[in-house]
Protein backbone atom coordinates (compact mmCIF):
# COMPACT_ATOMS: atom_id res chain seq x y z
CA MET A 1 -47.57 23.71 -14.41
CA THR A 2 -47.04 26.28 -17.12
CA PRO A 3 -44.91 25.43 -20.15
CA THR A 4 -42.21 27.98 -19.19
CA LEU A 5 -41.92 26.74 -15.59
CA ALA A 6 -41.00 23.15 -16.54
CA PRO A 7 -37.72 24.01 -18.35
CA ARG A 8 -36.63 26.26 -15.46
CA LEU A 9 -37.23 23.50 -12.91
CA GLY A 10 -35.31 21.02 -15.06
CA ARG A 11 -32.33 23.36 -15.33
CA ARG A 12 -32.35 23.94 -11.56
CA LEU A 13 -32.37 20.22 -10.86
CA LEU A 14 -29.55 19.62 -13.31
CA ARG A 15 -27.42 22.37 -11.72
CA ARG A 16 -27.88 20.79 -8.30
CA ALA A 17 -27.47 17.18 -9.43
CA ALA A 18 -24.36 17.67 -11.59
CA PRO A 19 -21.88 18.08 -8.70
CA LEU A 20 -23.33 15.02 -6.95
CA ALA A 21 -23.07 12.96 -10.11
CA ALA A 22 -19.44 14.02 -10.57
CA LEU A 23 -18.63 13.09 -6.97
CA ALA A 24 -20.32 9.71 -7.36
CA ALA A 25 -18.32 9.02 -10.54
CA LEU A 26 -15.06 9.95 -8.80
CA LEU A 27 -15.79 7.69 -5.82
CA LEU A 28 -16.67 4.81 -8.11
CA THR A 29 -13.44 5.27 -10.05
CA LEU A 30 -11.30 5.39 -6.90
CA THR A 31 -12.98 2.32 -5.44
CA ALA A 32 -12.54 0.34 -8.64
CA CYS A 33 -8.83 1.15 -8.89
CA GLY A 34 -7.87 0.17 -5.34
CA PRO A 35 -4.35 0.58 -4.02
CA GLY A 36 -2.77 -2.25 -6.07
CA TYR A 37 -1.36 -3.94 -2.98
CA LYS A 38 -2.70 -5.69 0.10
CA THR A 39 -2.04 -4.72 3.70
CA VAL A 40 -1.38 -7.65 6.04
CA SER A 41 -0.64 -8.06 9.73
CA VAL A 42 2.67 -9.00 11.30
CA GLN A 43 0.99 -12.26 12.30
CA ASP A 44 0.36 -12.98 8.61
CA LEU A 45 4.03 -12.41 7.81
CA HIS A 46 5.15 -14.49 10.80
CA ALA A 47 2.96 -17.39 9.62
CA ALA A 48 4.37 -17.09 6.09
CA GLN A 49 7.99 -17.25 7.25
CA ALA A 50 7.94 -21.04 7.14
CA SER A 51 7.82 -20.82 3.34
CA ASN A 52 10.81 -18.42 3.09
CA PRO A 53 8.94 -15.46 1.60
CA ILE A 54 10.62 -12.51 -0.05
CA ILE A 55 10.74 -9.70 2.52
CA PHE A 56 12.02 -6.18 1.92
CA ASP A 57 12.89 -3.76 4.70
CA VAL A 58 12.54 -0.27 3.23
CA ARG A 59 14.17 1.56 6.14
CA GLU A 60 17.61 3.13 6.02
CA PRO A 61 20.78 1.03 6.57
CA TYR A 62 21.34 2.24 10.15
CA GLU A 63 17.77 1.22 11.04
CA TYR A 64 18.21 -2.19 9.43
CA ALA A 65 21.45 -2.74 11.36
CA SER A 66 19.71 -1.97 14.65
CA GLY A 67 17.38 -4.92 14.09
CA HIS A 68 15.33 -6.46 11.30
CA ILE A 69 13.07 -9.40 10.53
CA ALA A 70 15.05 -12.58 9.80
CA GLY A 71 15.48 -13.09 6.07
CA ALA A 72 14.61 -9.50 5.16
CA ARG A 73 16.60 -7.79 2.44
CA LEU A 74 17.47 -4.13 2.78
CA LEU A 75 15.98 -1.94 0.04
CA PRO A 76 15.65 1.62 1.35
CA LEU A 77 12.68 3.60 0.11
CA SER A 78 15.12 6.29 -0.98
CA GLN A 79 16.67 3.79 -3.46
CA LEU A 80 13.55 1.91 -4.50
CA GLN A 81 12.94 3.59 -7.87
CA ALA A 82 16.51 2.91 -8.97
CA ARG A 83 16.40 -0.72 -7.81
CA LEU A 84 12.95 -1.86 -8.98
CA ASP A 85 14.52 -4.70 -10.96
CA GLU A 86 15.48 -6.40 -7.66
CA VAL A 87 11.83 -6.93 -6.80
CA PRO A 88 10.28 -9.95 -8.52
CA ALA A 89 7.03 -9.33 -10.38
CA ASP A 90 5.72 -12.90 -10.15
CA GLN A 91 6.12 -13.79 -6.45
CA PRO A 92 4.57 -12.51 -3.22
CA VAL A 93 6.70 -9.74 -1.71
CA TYR A 94 6.32 -8.51 1.87
CA VAL A 95 7.32 -4.90 2.54
CA TYR A 96 7.84 -3.37 5.98
CA CYS A 97 9.47 -0.35 7.61
CA HIS A 98 9.52 1.18 11.08
CA SER A 99 5.82 1.93 11.59
CA GLY A 100 4.08 1.36 8.24
CA ASN A 101 4.34 4.75 6.55
CA ARG A 102 7.33 4.12 4.28
CA SER A 103 6.19 0.59 3.48
CA THR A 104 2.86 2.01 2.30
CA GLN A 105 4.74 4.43 0.01
CA ALA A 106 6.97 1.60 -1.22
CA SER A 107 3.96 -0.64 -1.85
CA GLU A 108 2.33 2.08 -3.94
CA ILE A 109 5.53 2.54 -5.98
CA LEU A 110 5.86 -1.21 -6.55
CA ALA A 111 2.21 -1.57 -7.56
CA LYS A 112 2.51 1.32 -10.03
CA ALA A 113 5.63 -0.35 -11.45
CA GLY A 114 3.56 -3.44 -12.27
CA LYS A 115 4.52 -5.70 -9.39
CA LYS A 116 1.53 -7.94 -8.73
CA ASP A 117 1.60 -9.53 -5.26
CA ILE A 118 2.74 -6.79 -2.90
CA LEU A 119 1.98 -7.29 0.80
CA ASN A 120 2.40 -4.19 2.95
CA VAL A 121 3.04 -5.16 6.59
CA ARG A 122 0.86 -2.99 8.85
CA GLY A 123 2.68 -1.40 11.78
CA GLY A 124 6.19 -2.29 10.62
CA ILE A 125 8.95 -3.47 12.94
CA LEU A 126 7.23 -1.73 15.87
CA ALA A 127 4.19 -4.00 15.51
CA TRP A 128 6.47 -7.00 14.91
CA GLU A 129 8.30 -6.45 18.19
CA ALA A 130 5.07 -5.59 20.05
CA ALA A 131 3.70 -8.97 18.97
CA GLY A 132 6.70 -10.62 20.62
CA PHE A 133 8.40 -11.77 17.45
CA SER A 134 12.20 -11.83 17.39
CA ILE A 135 14.46 -9.60 15.33
CA THR A 136 17.91 -10.19 13.95
CA ARG A 137 20.89 -7.88 14.34
CA ASN A 138 24.00 -7.97 12.17
């Protein structure tokens, strides 16, 4: 290999490798951060009910009134930022909604606010009812 060819090959390799290295660094960073909350099943929540866990329903009031999980407190996603102080930082907190979308958003907000033990209930009240668990209306 001639002395002038080696630097050109090195530059070519660096140009091709740099985007891959940047992508690898980004993926490593995202993996290390994680979502800051855990997603659990409705069966997990049902099993935990014996210990009177803190449960937040992040749907709207009319949805809550149509049926909710016994013991759940209403805390609509639309009000969550303004009412963060109602969510304890030092106890497990279950969060659910209709199908799991709003509870995921709420879990992200709570985790970013420093809440430590957030448990997002996968599938929401739809999965709860599909599993045959009862709901409360009031």
